[in-house]
Amino acid sequence: LVLETAPACEDSISRRLENATPQYLAECERLILSWSTTIEAVLTDAFEDSRTHMLESCTGPMVEIHRWKRRHLLLTSIIEQLKTKESKAVITTLIANKSKHLKRWRSIDIIITDTAN
């Protein structure tokens, strides 16, 4: 799973934060919406996969191991991509500019954290 790539960090921290250009801010908001949709889909699929698995009675231990490995790889991939400098810059910019999309993002971030732990 690959999240859409964040734009390269701008040189000036102050420009990137409170004084972000409208174009950069719009790009950050577009990205956070894209990430949110993608991550929600992955988490929903993982939940549905778990529910479907519980209903199936003829699965063996190797199927169970494979399912958990796949889920772990997806979550690790998402977390590692969100740890990049560019991804953090997008989130920091939106926080500094009090973006309306942060409420949804924060709820997704909490779900990712809970799921990973």
Protein backbone atom coordinates (compact mmCIF):
# COMPACT_ATOMS: atom_id res chain seq x y z
CA LEU A 1 0.00 0.00 0.00
CA VAL A 2 1.38 3.38 -0.98
CA LEU A 3 -0.18 6.62 0.17
CA GLU A 4 -0.14 9.54 -2.19
CA THR A 5 3.18 11.37 -1.90
CA ALA A 6 3.38 14.59 0.06
CA PRO A 7 4.98 17.62 -1.58
CA ALA A 8 8.57 18.35 -0.71
CA CYS A 9 8.96 20.45 2.40
CA GLU A 10 9.26 24.14 1.74
CA ASP A 11 12.49 25.77 2.84
CA SER A 12 11.08 28.20 5.38
CA ILE A 13 9.40 26.67 8.40
CA SER A 14 7.36 29.82 9.01
CA ARG A 15 6.17 29.81 5.40
CA ARG A 16 5.18 26.18 5.72
CA LEU A 17 3.23 26.77 8.91
CA GLU A 18 1.12 29.86 9.61
CA ASN A 19 2.09 31.64 6.41
CA ALA A 20 1.58 28.72 4.03
CA THR A 21 0.62 29.74 0.52
CA PRO A 22 -3.01 29.06 -0.37
CA GLN A 23 -1.84 26.58 -3.01
CA TYR A 24 0.32 24.66 -0.54
CA LEU A 25 -2.46 24.64 2.04
CA ALA A 26 -4.96 23.38 -0.56
CA GLU A 27 -2.53 20.63 -1.59
CA CYS A 28 -2.08 19.62 2.07
CA GLU A 29 -5.85 19.47 2.57
CA ARG A 30 -6.27 17.43 -0.61
CA LEU A 31 -3.58 15.01 0.57
CA ILE A 32 -5.05 14.56 4.04
CA LEU A 33 -8.43 13.77 2.47
CA SER A 34 -6.81 11.26 0.13
CA TRP A 35 -4.86 9.65 2.97
CA SER A 36 -7.97 9.54 5.17
CA THR A 37 -10.01 7.80 2.49
CA THR A 38 -7.26 5.28 1.74
CA ILE A 39 -6.55 4.49 5.38
CA GLU A 40 -10.24 4.18 6.24
CA ALA A 41 -10.65 1.72 3.36
CA VAL A 42 -7.68 -0.36 4.56
CA LEU A 43 -8.91 -0.39 8.15
CA THR A 44 -12.46 -1.24 7.07
CA ASP A 45 -11.17 -4.08 4.87
CA ALA A 46 -9.08 -5.38 7.77
CA PHE A 47 -12.13 -5.27 10.04
CA GLU A 48 -14.34 -6.98 7.46
CA ASP A 49 -11.61 -9.57 6.85
CA SER A 50 -11.57 -10.24 10.58
CA ARG A 51 -15.37 -10.60 10.75
CA THR A 52 -15.43 -12.89 7.71
CA HIS A 53 -12.64 -14.97 9.19
CA MET A 54 -14.52 -15.43 12.46
CA LEU A 55 -17.49 -16.79 10.50
CA GLU A 56 -15.36 -19.33 8.63
CA SER A 57 -14.82 -22.48 10.62
CA CYS A 58 -12.59 -24.40 8.22
CA THR A 59 -9.47 -22.23 8.33
CA GLY A 60 -6.23 -23.63 9.61
CA PRO A 61 -3.42 -22.07 11.60
CA MET A 62 -1.40 -21.12 8.49
CA VAL A 63 -4.35 -19.12 7.12
CA GLU A 64 -4.58 -17.32 10.45
CA ILE A 65 -0.85 -16.54 10.47
CA HIS A 66 -0.97 -15.29 6.88
CA ARG A 67 -3.96 -13.04 7.65
CA TRP A 68 -2.25 -11.44 10.65
CA LYS A 69 1.02 -10.99 8.77
CA ARG A 70 -0.82 -9.23 5.93
CA ARG A 71 -2.63 -6.95 8.36
CA HIS A 72 0.60 -6.17 10.20
CA LEU A 73 2.37 -5.31 6.92
CA LEU A 74 -0.43 -2.95 5.87
CA LEU A 75 -0.43 -1.12 9.20
CA THR A 76 3.36 -0.91 9.29
CA SER A 77 3.40 0.47 5.75
CA ILE A 78 0.89 3.19 6.64
CA ILE A 79 2.70 4.14 9.84
CA GLU A 80 6.11 4.32 8.16
CA GLN A 81 4.77 6.53 5.38
CA LEU A 82 3.16 8.87 7.91
CA LYS A 83 6.47 9.19 9.78
CA THR A 84 8.27 10.81 6.82
CA LYS A 85 9.36 14.42 7.04
CA GLU A 86 7.04 15.37 4.17
CA SER A 87 3.99 13.73 5.74
CA LYS A 88 4.67 15.37 9.09
CA ALA A 89 5.02 18.74 7.33
CA VAL A 90 1.57 18.31 5.78
CA ILE A 91 -0.02 17.52 9.13
CA THR A 92 1.87 20.29 10.94
CA THR A 93 0.81 22.80 8.29
CA LEU A 94 -2.83 21.85 8.68
CA ILE A 95 -2.60 22.10 12.47
CA ALA A 96 -0.95 25.53 12.29
CA ASN A 97 -3.61 26.75 9.86
CA LYS A 98 -6.50 25.19 11.83
CA SER A 99 -7.76 23.16 8.89
CA LYS A 100 -11.34 21.91 9.03
CA HIS A 101 -10.12 18.46 7.92
CA LEU A 102 -8.18 17.83 11.14
CA LYS A 103 -11.15 16.41 13.06
CA ARG A 104 -11.47 13.51 10.64
CA TRP A 105 -7.69 13.04 10.54
CA ARG A 106 -7.38 12.94 14.33
CA SER A 107 -10.03 10.25 14.59
CA ILE A 108 -8.20 8.18 11.96
CA ASP A 109 -4.90 8.73 13.73
CA ILE A 110 -6.42 7.41 16.97
CA ILE A 111 -7.77 4.33 15.16
CA ILE A 112 -4.35 3.66 13.59
CA THR A 113 -2.67 3.94 16.99
CA ASP A 114 -5.22 1.68 18.68
CA THR A 115 -5.04 -0.88 15.88
CA ALA A 116 -1.24 -0.92 15.88
CA ASN A 117 -1.13 -1.46 19.64
